[in-house]
Amino acid sequence: MTPPRSDQGFVRMPDDEFEAMLARAAEKGAKRALADVGLDGDEAALDIRDLRSMLDLLRLVRRTAVQTVVRAVTTAVLLALLAGIAIKMKVFGGSP
């Protein structure tokens, strides 16, 4: 049986049949893509959760590192200012 064709030679099919075919193709493609990256087993959901938690941890570590650097720079600047003030006021027994 040959499928019906339009005037331009295109194959015509009902919309619901076409959507079902697209859904099957999308599902097969998604399964193949997951299999290609090794996420096709029974523990795939657990693996994805682990990956997400590692990404969250990486973001937390990055944020903490930036905060630590900012605090260290701020502390260094404040210590330099205090040392400058102490030297200017001759707190450490500078020459007369």
C-alpha atoms as a PDB file:
ATOM      1  CA  MET A   1       0.000   0.000   0.000  1.00  0.00           C
ATOM      2  CA  THR A   2       1.429   3.360  -0.973  1.00  0.00           C
ATOM      3  CA  PRO A   3       0.804   6.356   1.275  1.00  0.00           C
ATOM      4  CA  PRO A   4      -1.233   9.244  -0.146  1.00  0.00           C
ATOM      5  CA  ARG A   5       0.821  12.037  -1.720  1.00  0.00           C
ATOM      6  CA  SER A   6       0.160  15.726  -2.259  1.00  0.00           C
ATOM      7  CA  ASP A   7       0.495  17.608  -5.557  1.00  0.00           C
ATOM      8  CA  GLN A   8       4.177  18.332  -4.839  1.00  0.00           C
ATOM      9  CA  GLY A   9       4.913  14.661  -4.100  1.00  0.00           C
ATOM     10  CA  PHE A  10       5.013  14.928  -0.301  1.00  0.00           C
ATOM     11  CA  VAL A  11       3.712  12.036   1.776  1.00  0.00           C
ATOM     12  CA  ARG A  12       0.648  12.889   3.845  1.00  0.00           C
ATOM     13  CA  MET A  13      -0.287  11.267   7.153  1.00  0.00           C
ATOM     14  CA  PRO A  14      -2.705  12.079   9.965  1.00  0.00           C
ATOM     15  CA  ASP A  15      -1.437  14.517  12.605  1.00  0.00           C
ATOM     16  CA  ASP A  16      -1.838  12.092  15.527  1.00  0.00           C
ATOM     17  CA  GLU A  17       0.130   9.401  13.684  1.00  0.00           C
ATOM     18  CA  PHE A  18       2.867  11.926  12.842  1.00  0.00           C
ATOM     19  CA  GLU A  19       3.072  13.119  16.470  1.00  0.00           C
ATOM     20  CA  ALA A  20       3.289   9.524  17.734  1.00  0.00           C
ATOM     21  CA  MET A  21       6.101   8.827  15.275  1.00  0.00           C
ATOM     22  CA  LEU A  22       7.944  11.975  16.431  1.00  0.00           C
ATOM     23  CA  ALA A  23       7.503  10.977  20.093  1.00  0.00           C
ATOM     24  CA  ARG A  24       8.950   7.500  19.443  1.00  0.00           C
ATOM     25  CA  ALA A  25      11.886   8.974  17.527  1.00  0.00           C
ATOM     26  CA  ALA A  26      12.568  11.517  20.282  1.00  0.00           C
ATOM     27  CA  GLU A  27      12.456   8.820  22.964  1.00  0.00           C
ATOM     28  CA  LYS A  28      14.846   6.576  21.023  1.00  0.00           C
ATOM     29  CA  GLY A  29      17.190   9.507  20.409  1.00  0.00           C
ATOM     30  CA  ALA A  30      17.182  10.487  24.081  1.00  0.00           C
ATOM     31  CA  LYS A  31      17.885   6.917  25.169  1.00  0.00           C
ATOM     32  CA  ARG A  32      20.737   6.639  22.671  1.00  0.00           C
ATOM     33  CA  ALA A  33      22.215   9.961  23.829  1.00  0.00           C
ATOM     34  CA  LEU A  34      22.068   8.872  27.487  1.00  0.00           C
ATOM     35  CA  ALA A  35      23.653   5.542  26.574  1.00  0.00           C
ATOM     36  CA  ASP A  36      26.448   7.346  24.731  1.00  0.00           C
ATOM     37  CA  VAL A  37      27.403   9.263  27.885  1.00  0.00           C
ATOM     38  CA  GLY A  38      26.987   6.239  30.149  1.00  0.00           C
ATOM     39  CA  LEU A  39      23.730   7.224  31.843  1.00  0.00           C
ATOM     40  CA  ASP A  40      21.510   4.403  30.658  1.00  0.00           C
ATOM     41  CA  GLY A  41      21.602   1.970  33.589  1.00  0.00           C
ATOM     42  CA  ASP A  42      19.370   1.488  36.599  1.00  0.00           C
ATOM     43  CA  GLU A  43      21.465   3.945  38.614  1.00  0.00           C
ATOM     44  CA  ALA A  44      21.280   6.755  36.050  1.00  0.00           C
ATOM     45  CA  ALA A  45      19.032   8.912  38.248  1.00  0.00           C
ATOM     46  CA  LEU A  46      21.450   8.516  41.154  1.00  0.00           C
ATOM     47  CA  ASP A  47      24.377   9.419  38.894  1.00  0.00           C
ATOM     48  CA  ILE A  48      22.614  12.573  37.725  1.00  0.00           C
ATOM     49  CA  ARG A  49      21.819  13.539  41.329  1.00  0.00           C
ATOM     50  CA  ASP A  50      25.483  13.008  42.223  1.00  0.00           C
ATOM     51  CA  LEU A  51      26.595  15.169  39.294  1.00  0.00           C
ATOM     52  CA  ARG A  52      24.225  17.933  40.348  1.00  0.00           C
ATOM     53  CA  SER A  53      25.435  17.807  43.946  1.00  0.00           C
ATOM     54  CA  MET A  54      29.062  17.971  42.754  1.00  0.00           C
ATOM     55  CA  LEU A  55      28.223  21.036  40.651  1.00  0.00           C
ATOM     56  CA  ASP A  56      26.561  22.656  43.661  1.00  0.00           C
ATOM     57  CA  LEU A  57      29.644  21.884  45.737  1.00  0.00           C
ATOM     58  CA  LEU A  58      31.912  23.373  43.061  1.00  0.00           C
ATOM     59  CA  ARG A  59      29.851  26.567  43.060  1.00  0.00           C
ATOM     60  CA  LEU A  60      30.039  26.738  46.860  1.00  0.00           C
ATOM     61  CA  VAL A  61      33.821  26.215  46.850  1.00  0.00           C
ATOM     62  CA  ARG A  62      34.282  28.900  44.191  1.00  0.00           C
ATOM     63  CA  ARG A  63      32.124  31.372  46.126  1.00  0.00           C
ATOM     64  CA  THR A  64      33.978  30.626  49.372  1.00  0.00           C
ATOM     65  CA  ALA A  65      37.358  31.044  47.687  1.00  0.00           C
ATOM     66  CA  VAL A  66      36.375  34.447  46.313  1.00  0.00           C
ATOM     67  CA  GLN A  67      35.108  35.536  49.724  1.00  0.00           C
ATOM     68  CA  THR A  68      38.352  34.385  51.350  1.00  0.00           C
ATOM     69  CA  VAL A  69      40.482  36.328  48.865  1.00  0.00           C
ATOM     70  CA  VAL A  70      38.404  39.473  49.389  1.00  0.00           C
ATOM     71  CA  ARG A  71      38.734  39.140  53.166  1.00  0.00           C
ATOM     72  CA  ALA A  72      42.500  38.599  52.931  1.00  0.00           C
ATOM     73  CA  VAL A  73      42.987  41.644  50.706  1.00  0.00           C
ATOM     74  CA  THR A  74      40.784  43.765  52.980  1.00  0.00           C
ATOM     75  CA  THR A  75      42.716  42.631  56.057  1.00  0.00           C
ATOM     76  CA  ALA A  76      46.048  43.374  54.371  1.00  0.00           C
ATOM     77  CA  VAL A  77      44.927  46.884  53.410  1.00  0.00           C
ATOM     78  CA  LEU A  78      43.668  47.592  56.923  1.00  0.00           C
ATOM     79  CA  LEU A  79      46.899  46.300  58.478  1.00  0.00           C
ATOM     80  CA  ALA A  80      48.948  48.476  56.127  1.00  0.00           C
ATOM     81  CA  LEU A  81      46.859  51.515  57.093  1.00  0.00           C
ATOM     82  CA  LEU A  82      47.289  50.743  60.797  1.00  0.00           C
ATOM     83  CA  ALA A  83      51.030  50.299  60.355  1.00  0.00           C
ATOM     84  CA  GLY A  84      51.215  53.615  58.497  1.00  0.00           C
ATOM     85  CA  ILE A  85      49.284  55.358  61.257  1.00  0.00           C
ATOM     86  CA  ALA A  86      51.486  53.785  63.940  1.00  0.00           C
ATOM     87  CA  ILE A  87      54.662  54.878  62.146  1.00  0.00           C
ATOM     88  CA  LYS A  88      53.282  58.391  61.581  1.00  0.00           C
ATOM     89  CA  MET A  89      52.402  58.737  65.276  1.00  0.00           C
ATOM     90  CA  LYS A  90      55.781  57.266  66.278  1.00  0.00           C
ATOM     91  CA  VAL A  91      54.151  54.611  68.434  1.00  0.00           C
ATOM     92  CA  PHE A  92      57.179  52.321  68.131  1.00  0.00           C
ATOM     93  CA  GLY A  93      59.660  54.835  69.546  1.00  0.00           C
ATOM     94  CA  GLY A  94      60.921  56.400  66.381  1.00  0.00           C
ATOM     95  CA  SER A  95      63.831  58.881  66.361  1.00  0.00           C
ATOM     96  CA  PRO A  96      63.181  62.427  67.746  1.00  0.00           C
END
